[in-house]
Amino acid sequence: MSDPLNLQVKRLIKASPSDLFEAWTKPELMQKWYAPSPMTVASATSDLRVGGAYRINVFNGSDTIHVEGIYKQIIPNQLLAFTWTPCVGGPSYETLVTVEFKPANGGTEVIITHEGFKETETRGRHEYGWNGCLDNLTKATETVTV
């Protein structure tokens, strides 16, 4: 991506688009991967409909922090777009995350586009975080057959 305040992360995962879409939208599955290690997901909720909300509570070793947002676009097994508002003991602001699920040889290419950062430092932290999340998502779904 050419804008330094936006980021895009891609990963080929050996799972079907439908299994990966469910991993992003079902709370019991979100809890298995939706935080970069060594953080863990304490709880997750999801009201999967345009205008519905989600919330992810993450334990970072000493505190529980959370991220919340609103679903903006849902195309089952293909695309998920939602606002992203981290609530981490200070001012936070809303950004936009779009996740695409594209069938590919041997699995699905997951493309995360995260837009609207106000500073490169925050963008960098999220790049690290999304890569860590995708590492965990890969591990959580690697036993799934395509």
Protein backbone atom coordinates (compact mmCIF):
# COMPACT_ATOMS: atom_id res chain seq x y z
CA MET A 1 0.00 0.00 0.00
CA SER A 2 1.33 3.42 -0.85
CA ASP A 3 -0.18 5.34 2.10
CA PRO A 4 2.19 5.00 5.10
CA LEU A 5 -0.78 5.31 7.48
CA ASN A 6 -2.57 2.26 6.02
CA LEU A 7 -1.41 -1.31 6.18
CA GLN A 8 -2.07 -4.57 4.39
CA VAL A 9 -1.13 -8.03 5.64
CA LYS A 10 -1.61 -11.23 3.59
CA ARG A 11 -1.38 -14.87 4.50
CA LEU A 12 -2.16 -18.14 2.71
CA ILE A 13 -3.86 -20.46 5.19
CA LYS A 14 -4.66 -24.12 4.57
CA ALA A 15 -8.36 -23.84 5.39
CA SER A 16 -11.52 -23.08 3.44
CA PRO A 17 -12.93 -19.56 3.13
CA SER A 18 -16.01 -20.66 5.09
CA ASP A 19 -13.93 -22.06 7.98
CA LEU A 20 -11.85 -18.88 8.13
CA PHE A 21 -14.91 -16.61 7.92
CA GLU A 22 -16.38 -18.51 10.88
CA ALA A 23 -13.10 -18.11 12.79
CA TRP A 24 -13.43 -14.33 12.37
CA THR A 25 -17.09 -14.16 13.35
CA LYS A 26 -17.96 -16.85 15.92
CA PRO A 27 -16.97 -15.83 19.47
CA GLU A 28 -15.94 -19.34 20.55
CA LEU A 29 -13.54 -19.49 17.58
CA MET A 30 -12.37 -15.86 17.91
CA GLN A 31 -11.19 -16.71 21.42
CA LYS A 32 -8.70 -19.24 20.03
CA TRP A 33 -6.59 -16.83 17.94
CA TYR A 34 -7.62 -13.14 17.99
CA ALA A 35 -4.56 -11.79 19.87
CA PRO A 36 -0.84 -11.89 19.10
CA SER A 37 1.22 -14.11 21.42
CA PRO A 38 1.93 -13.92 24.29
CA MET A 39 -1.45 -12.17 24.70
CA THR A 40 -4.57 -14.31 25.00
CA VAL A 41 -8.26 -13.67 24.32
CA ALA A 42 -10.21 -13.58 27.58
CA SER A 43 -13.60 -13.29 25.82
CA ALA A 44 -15.18 -12.27 22.55
CA THR A 45 -18.67 -11.32 21.39
CA SER A 46 -20.06 -10.85 17.90
CA ASP A 47 -23.45 -9.66 16.62
CA LEU A 48 -22.80 -10.59 12.99
CA ARG A 49 -24.99 -8.22 10.99
CA VAL A 50 -24.35 -4.88 9.34
CA GLY A 51 -24.59 -2.41 12.22
CA GLY A 52 -23.96 -5.17 14.78
CA ALA A 53 -21.13 -4.86 17.28
CA TYR A 54 -18.22 -7.05 18.31
CA ARG A 55 -15.88 -6.86 21.27
CA ILE A 56 -12.63 -8.69 22.01
CA ASN A 57 -11.15 -8.69 25.52
CA VAL A 58 -7.44 -9.45 25.50
CA PHE A 59 -5.24 -10.31 28.48
CA ASN A 60 -1.70 -8.99 28.02
CA GLY A 61 -0.16 -10.60 31.10
CA SER A 62 -1.10 -7.91 33.59
CA ASP A 63 -4.22 -6.15 32.28
CA THR A 64 -7.29 -6.89 30.22
CA ILE A 65 -7.72 -4.49 27.33
CA HIS A 66 -10.38 -4.53 24.68
CA VAL A 67 -11.13 -3.70 21.08
CA GLU A 68 -14.62 -3.04 19.83
CA GLY A 69 -16.32 -2.00 16.64
CA ILE A 70 -19.27 -2.17 14.29
CA TYR A 71 -19.68 -4.44 11.27
CA LYS A 72 -19.93 -2.30 8.13
CA GLN A 73 -20.01 -4.91 5.34
CA ILE A 74 -20.53 -8.67 5.40
CA ILE A 75 -20.29 -11.00 2.41
CA PRO A 76 -20.21 -14.49 3.93
CA ASN A 77 -17.01 -16.43 3.16
CA GLN A 78 -15.68 -13.52 1.03
CA LEU A 79 -15.40 -10.22 2.89
CA LEU A 80 -15.79 -8.69 6.32
CA ALA A 81 -15.39 -4.95 7.03
CA PHE A 82 -15.63 -3.42 10.49
CA THR A 83 -14.56 -0.44 12.54
CA TRP A 84 -11.71 -0.98 15.00
CA THR A 85 -11.54 1.00 18.23
CA PRO A 86 -8.93 -0.09 20.77
CA CYS A 87 -9.72 0.90 24.34
CA VAL A 88 -6.35 0.89 26.06
CA GLY A 89 -6.44 3.42 28.89
CA GLY A 90 -6.11 6.57 26.83
CA PRO A 91 -7.49 8.35 23.86
CA SER A 92 -8.31 5.99 21.04
CA TYR A 93 -9.82 6.50 17.64
CA GLU A 94 -11.71 4.47 15.12
CA THR A 95 -10.05 2.89 12.08
CA LEU A 96 -11.42 0.55 9.40
CA VAL A 97 -10.45 -3.10 8.88
CA THR A 98 -11.40 -5.05 5.75
CA VAL A 99 -10.70 -8.78 5.60
CA GLU A 100 -10.91 -10.62 2.28
CA PHE A 101 -11.06 -14.41 1.95
CA LYS A 102 -9.85 -15.49 -1.50
CA PRO A 103 -9.71 -19.16 -2.52
CA ALA A 104 -6.15 -20.08 -3.49
CA ASN A 105 -4.16 -23.23 -4.21
CA GLY A 106 -4.21 -25.33 -1.10
CA GLY A 107 -6.36 -22.99 0.98
CA THR A 108 -7.41 -19.38 1.29
CA GLU A 109 -5.52 -16.13 0.98
CA VAL A 110 -6.54 -13.87 3.86
CA ILE A 111 -5.94 -10.19 3.12
CA ILE A 112 -6.28 -7.70 5.97
CA THR A 113 -6.39 -4.02 5.01
CA HIS A 114 -6.34 -1.66 7.99
CA GLU A 115 -6.91 2.02 7.17
CA GLY A 116 -7.03 5.33 8.95
CA PHE A 117 -4.09 5.39 11.34
CA LYS A 118 -2.99 8.83 12.52
CA GLU A 119 0.65 7.94 13.17
CA THR A 120 3.15 5.42 11.82
CA GLU A 121 3.96 4.08 15.31
CA THR A 122 0.38 2.90 15.81
CA ARG A 123 0.35 1.44 12.30
CA GLY A 124 3.54 -0.49 13.11
CA ARG A 125 2.10 -1.92 16.33
CA HIS A 126 -0.96 -3.10 14.41
CA GLU A 127 1.18 -4.66 11.69
CA TYR A 128 2.96 -6.67 14.38
CA GLY A 129 -0.39 -7.51 15.99
CA TRP A 130 -2.11 -8.64 12.79
CA ASN A 131 0.85 -10.83 11.83
CA GLY A 132 0.77 -12.40 15.29
CA CYS A 133 -2.98 -12.94 15.01
CA LEU A 134 -2.56 -14.60 11.61
CA ASP A 135 0.16 -16.85 13.06
CA ASN A 136 -2.36 -17.98 15.69
CA LEU A 137 -5.19 -18.29 13.16
CA THR A 138 -2.99 -20.51 11.00
CA LYS A 139 -2.24 -22.76 13.99
CA ALA A 140 -5.91 -22.85 15.04
CA THR A 141 -7.14 -23.86 11.60
CA GLU A 142 -4.30 -26.00 10.24
CA THR A 143 -6.13 -29.22 11.08
CA VAL A 144 -9.17 -28.12 9.06
CA THR A 145 -9.53 -29.75 5.65
CA VAL A 146 -10.20 -27.64 2.57
